[in-house]
Amino acid sequence: MALTPQQTQALHSTIEQRRAALLTELREDVERVRRDRPDVLVGSVPDAGDEAMVTLMAELDRAEANRDVTELRALEAARQRLADGSYGTCADCGGEIGFERLQVNPAAVRCIRCQTAYEKTHAAGPGSSL
C-alpha cells in the first residue's frame, strides 16, 4: 500500500526535524573544534599521554562529524525523493518501502528484504572502522 498523504507529511516533518538537529550538531562541533584547539588543551609542554588523549578526542570528533554528515546527506537525498515523488520506493526492486521502516529510518532507500540482501552482500569484514 502506498504512503498516504498524512504518512508522507509525518515523514517529511521527521526528516526536517532530524536535518535541523544535525545541522545544529555540526555547527556546535565546528565551534568546539575551533575553541578547543589541541595546543590549548595540552599546554605548551605536552607529555605523550596528553598528546595521545588529544589525538583520540580529535579522531572521535572526526568520526562523529563524518557520521553526522553521512546522515545529513542521506536526509537530503530523502528530501529530493520526496520532491520528485520517488520517496518510499525501493531503489533495488522498485517495490514499496513500508511506512514502519520509514518511521524508523526516514532516509531508507531499500525495503527490508532488499536491505537485508544488501547487508549480506556488502557486510563489513572483521575489525573496527575507527
Protein backbone atom coordinates (compact mmCIF):
# COMPACT_ATOMS: atom_id res chain seq x y z
CA MET A 1 0.00 0.00 0.00
CA ALA A 2 1.41 3.39 -0.97
CA LEU A 3 2.05 6.06 1.62
CA THR A 4 -0.96 8.17 2.47
CA PRO A 5 -0.66 11.97 2.32
CA GLN A 6 -0.74 12.03 6.13
CA GLN A 7 2.07 9.47 6.36
CA THR A 8 4.11 11.38 3.79
CA GLN A 9 3.63 14.61 5.72
CA ALA A 10 4.62 12.97 9.01
CA LEU A 11 7.78 11.53 7.43
CA HIS A 12 8.59 14.88 5.83
CA SER A 13 8.29 16.52 9.25
CA THR A 14 10.56 13.86 10.79
CA ILE A 15 13.16 14.41 8.06
CA GLU A 16 13.10 18.18 8.54
CA GLN A 17 13.39 17.91 12.33
CA ARG A 18 16.32 15.49 12.15
CA ARG A 19 18.01 17.59 9.47
CA ALA A 20 17.74 20.70 11.66
CA ALA A 21 19.13 18.81 14.65
CA LEU A 22 22.08 17.53 12.60
CA LEU A 23 22.87 21.00 11.27
CA THR A 24 22.87 22.32 14.84
CA GLU A 25 25.14 19.49 15.99
CA LEU A 26 27.56 20.09 13.14
CA ARG A 27 27.68 23.84 13.84
CA GLU A 28 28.36 23.16 17.52
CA ASP A 29 31.06 20.62 16.62
CA VAL A 30 32.83 23.13 14.38
CA GLU A 31 32.66 25.79 17.10
CA ARG A 32 34.03 23.34 19.68
CA VAL A 33 36.91 22.31 17.42
CA ARG A 34 37.81 25.95 16.84
CA ARG A 35 37.57 26.71 20.55
CA ASP A 36 39.30 23.58 21.91
CA ARG A 37 42.48 23.55 19.86
CA PRO A 38 44.99 20.85 20.88
CA ASP A 39 47.65 23.37 21.90
CA VAL A 40 45.17 24.98 24.29
CA LEU A 41 44.02 21.66 25.76
CA VAL A 42 47.50 20.21 26.24
CA GLY A 43 49.54 23.29 27.01
CA SER A 44 52.97 24.28 25.81
CA VAL A 45 54.81 21.20 27.15
CA PRO A 46 52.63 18.17 26.46
CA ASP A 47 53.59 14.68 27.50
CA ALA A 48 52.95 11.55 25.44
CA GLY A 49 49.78 10.71 27.39
CA ASP A 50 48.32 14.18 26.83
CA GLU A 51 49.09 14.01 23.13
CA ALA A 52 47.54 10.55 22.84
CA MET A 53 44.37 11.72 24.60
CA VAL A 54 44.06 14.80 22.38
CA THR A 55 44.62 12.64 19.28
CA LEU A 56 41.93 10.21 20.43
CA MET A 57 39.50 13.05 21.13
CA ALA A 58 40.15 14.54 17.69
CA GLU A 59 39.61 11.17 15.98
CA LEU A 60 36.36 10.62 17.86
CA ASP A 61 35.19 14.13 16.92
CA ARG A 62 36.02 13.41 13.27
CA ALA A 63 34.19 10.08 13.36
CA GLU A 64 31.13 11.72 14.90
CA ALA A 65 31.19 14.52 12.33
CA ASN A 66 31.57 12.03 9.48
CA ARG A 67 28.60 10.05 10.78
CA ASP A 68 26.51 13.22 11.04
CA VAL A 69 27.48 14.39 7.54
CA THR A 70 26.65 10.95 6.11
CA GLU A 71 23.24 11.03 7.78
CA LEU A 72 22.66 14.61 6.61
CA ARG A 73 23.43 13.60 3.02
CA ALA A 74 21.01 10.68 3.29
CA LEU A 75 18.30 13.03 4.58
CA GLU A 76 18.99 15.48 1.75
CA ALA A 77 18.57 12.60 -0.72
CA ALA A 78 15.29 11.66 1.00
CA ARG A 79 14.10 15.27 0.65
CA GLN A 80 14.89 15.08 -3.06
CA ARG A 81 12.96 11.81 -3.39
CA LEU A 82 10.01 13.45 -1.61
CA ALA A 83 10.17 16.33 -4.09
CA ASP A 84 10.35 14.12 -7.18
CA GLY A 85 7.74 11.61 -6.00
CA SER A 86 10.04 8.60 -5.68
CA TYR A 87 10.13 8.59 -1.88
CA GLY A 88 9.12 5.26 -0.39
CA THR A 89 10.11 3.25 -3.48
CA CYS A 90 12.87 0.66 -3.09
CA ALA A 91 15.96 1.53 -5.13
CA ASP A 92 16.64 -2.16 -5.83
CA CYS A 93 13.32 -3.92 -6.50
CA GLY A 94 11.06 -0.92 -7.17
CA GLY A 95 8.60 -2.11 -4.52
CA GLU A 96 7.27 -0.05 -1.67
CA ILE A 97 9.25 0.66 1.47
CA GLY A 98 6.90 0.15 4.39
CA PHE A 99 5.77 3.11 6.47
CA GLU A 100 7.02 1.43 9.63
CA ARG A 101 10.51 1.13 8.15
CA LEU A 102 10.48 4.76 7.04
CA GLN A 103 9.39 5.83 10.52
CA VAL A 104 12.48 4.14 11.94
CA ASN A 105 14.78 5.28 9.13
CA PRO A 106 13.21 8.07 7.06
CA ALA A 107 16.23 8.08 4.72
CA ALA A 108 15.85 4.36 3.83
CA VAL A 109 16.35 3.64 0.14
CA ARG A 110 15.56 -0.10 0.24
CA CYS A 111 12.75 -2.26 1.51
CA ILE A 112 13.64 -4.62 4.35
CA ARG A 113 14.11 -7.61 2.04
CA CYS A 114 16.49 -5.75 -0.29
CA GLN A 115 18.33 -4.09 2.61
CA THR A 116 18.91 -7.49 4.21
CA ALA A 117 20.31 -8.84 0.94
CA TYR A 118 22.44 -5.70 0.53
CA GLU A 119 23.90 -6.06 4.02
CA LYS A 120 24.74 -9.73 3.43
CA THR A 121 26.46 -8.86 0.16
CA HIS A 122 28.29 -5.80 1.49
CA ALA A 123 29.00 -6.97 5.02
CA ALA A 124 31.93 -5.28 6.69
CA GLY A 125 34.90 -7.50 7.31
CA PRO A 126 36.46 -8.12 10.71
CA GLY A 127 37.93 -5.20 12.58
CA SER A 128 36.83 -1.79 13.66
CA SER A 129 36.05 1.13 11.39
CA LEU A 130 37.82 3.50 13.77
